[in-house]
Amino acid sequence: MRKVPDIDAVSSVFGDVSHLPKWEHIPDKFKDRNELTYWNRFICGWFFKGVSNKELESLTPKPGVDKTKALKAVAAILQSWDPKHEHKEAGAAFLMSEWFENPKE
């Protein structure tokens, strides 16, 4: 499991991709645009429509994961202008799968 980074206030507002996995380190299942995983769909919804507090509250972090820190880290990726959307989506979905239980499994 990847360590959840500390995200400062500036990065929370303007974005930060320093913790975004490199494209080649993201499993292929998160890159496949034809077979989106649960977490890809979740991230797409968050990016394009926003995410409600109720949806965020329903997430269950994996043991040892600080939920608030993990959500700030993912939000910082989504708020960044770089890299391409496909990379941000795949990386954020992968990190969600690392840090949170999948409610569909």
Protein backbone atom coordinates (compact mmCIF):
# COMPACT_ATOMS: atom_id res chain seq x y z
CA MET A 1 0.00 0.00 0.00
CA ARG A 2 1.24 3.47 -0.86
CA LYS A 3 1.78 5.89 2.00
CA VAL A 4 -0.78 8.68 2.26
CA PRO A 5 1.06 12.01 1.86
CA ASP A 6 0.55 15.13 3.92
CA ILE A 7 -1.04 17.81 1.76
CA ASP A 8 -0.57 21.43 2.81
CA ALA A 9 -3.21 24.17 2.47
CA VAL A 10 -1.72 25.60 -0.73
CA SER A 11 -1.66 22.20 -2.42
CA SER A 12 -5.25 21.62 -1.30
CA VAL A 13 -6.33 24.69 -3.24
CA PHE A 14 -4.04 24.70 -6.27
CA GLY A 15 -3.38 20.99 -6.67
CA ASP A 16 -0.41 18.73 -6.22
CA VAL A 17 0.61 15.69 -8.26
CA SER A 18 3.91 14.93 -6.54
CA HIS A 19 2.33 11.78 -5.08
CA LEU A 20 0.57 10.74 -8.32
CA PRO A 21 1.99 7.38 -9.42
CA LYS A 22 3.88 7.43 -12.69
CA TRP A 23 1.78 6.21 -15.60
CA GLU A 24 3.82 3.02 -15.96
CA HIS A 25 3.29 2.17 -12.26
CA ILE A 26 -0.51 2.31 -12.48
CA PRO A 27 -2.12 -1.11 -13.05
CA ASP A 28 -3.65 -1.49 -16.51
CA LYS A 29 -7.15 -2.07 -15.16
CA PHE A 30 -7.27 1.59 -14.08
CA LYS A 31 -6.16 2.78 -17.55
CA ASP A 32 -8.70 0.77 -19.58
CA ARG A 33 -11.32 3.22 -20.85
CA ASN A 34 -13.55 0.33 -22.02
CA GLU A 35 -13.81 -1.42 -18.63
CA LEU A 36 -13.91 1.23 -15.93
CA THR A 37 -13.40 0.02 -12.37
CA TYR A 38 -15.64 1.14 -9.50
CA TRP A 39 -12.95 3.63 -8.49
CA ASN A 40 -12.60 5.05 -12.03
CA ARG A 41 -16.35 5.72 -12.07
CA PHE A 42 -16.16 7.27 -8.60
CA ILE A 43 -13.28 9.56 -9.62
CA CYS A 44 -15.00 10.56 -12.89
CA GLY A 45 -18.11 11.52 -10.93
CA TRP A 46 -16.03 13.47 -8.43
CA PHE A 47 -14.13 15.30 -11.18
CA PHE A 48 -17.07 16.17 -13.45
CA LYS A 49 -20.01 16.50 -11.03
CA GLY A 50 -18.47 16.85 -7.61
CA VAL A 51 -18.87 14.53 -4.67
CA SER A 52 -21.27 14.97 -1.76
CA ASN A 53 -20.36 14.83 1.90
CA LYS A 54 -22.68 11.82 2.17
CA GLU A 55 -20.68 9.97 -0.50
CA LEU A 56 -17.39 10.83 1.21
CA GLU A 57 -18.71 9.82 4.62
CA SER A 58 -19.77 6.44 3.25
CA LEU A 59 -16.18 5.57 2.27
CA THR A 60 -14.37 3.10 4.51
CA PRO A 61 -10.61 3.57 4.73
CA LYS A 62 -8.41 0.51 4.84
CA PRO A 63 -6.70 -0.22 8.18
CA GLY A 64 -4.02 2.34 9.00
CA VAL A 65 -5.28 4.93 6.48
CA ASP A 66 -6.23 8.40 7.67
CA LYS A 67 -9.42 9.08 5.71
CA THR A 68 -9.13 12.88 5.78
CA LYS A 69 -5.51 12.84 4.61
CA ALA A 70 -6.28 10.34 1.84
CA LEU A 71 -9.20 12.38 0.52
CA LYS A 72 -7.11 15.57 0.57
CA ALA A 73 -4.38 13.76 -1.40
CA VAL A 74 -6.83 12.60 -4.06
CA ALA A 75 -8.50 16.03 -4.23
CA ALA A 76 -5.09 17.66 -4.75
CA ILE A 77 -4.51 15.42 -7.78
CA LEU A 78 -7.91 16.22 -9.27
CA GLN A 79 -7.41 19.98 -8.77
CA SER A 80 -4.08 20.05 -10.56
CA TRP A 81 -3.78 21.32 -14.14
CA ASP A 82 -1.15 18.68 -14.97
CA PRO A 83 -0.83 15.96 -16.18
CA LYS A 84 -3.43 14.82 -18.73
CA HIS A 85 -6.86 13.92 -17.39
CA GLU A 86 -6.43 10.22 -18.24
CA HIS A 87 -3.33 10.01 -16.04
CA LYS A 88 -4.98 11.87 -13.17
CA GLU A 89 -8.09 9.69 -13.36
CA ALA A 90 -6.19 6.41 -13.52
CA GLY A 91 -3.79 7.43 -10.74
CA ALA A 92 -6.50 8.77 -8.45
CA ALA A 93 -8.61 5.64 -8.98
CA PHE A 94 -5.60 3.46 -8.22
CA LEU A 95 -4.86 5.41 -5.02
CA MET A 96 -8.51 5.13 -3.94
CA SER A 97 -8.26 1.37 -4.39
CA GLU A 98 -5.11 1.37 -2.26
CA TRP A 99 -6.57 3.48 0.55
CA PHE A 100 -10.29 2.59 0.66
CA GLU A 101 -12.40 -0.55 0.78
CA ASN A 102 -14.37 -1.16 -2.40
CA PRO A 103 -18.05 -1.20 -1.39
CA LYS A 104 -18.89 -3.30 -4.45
CA GLU A 105 -16.64 -6.23 -3.47
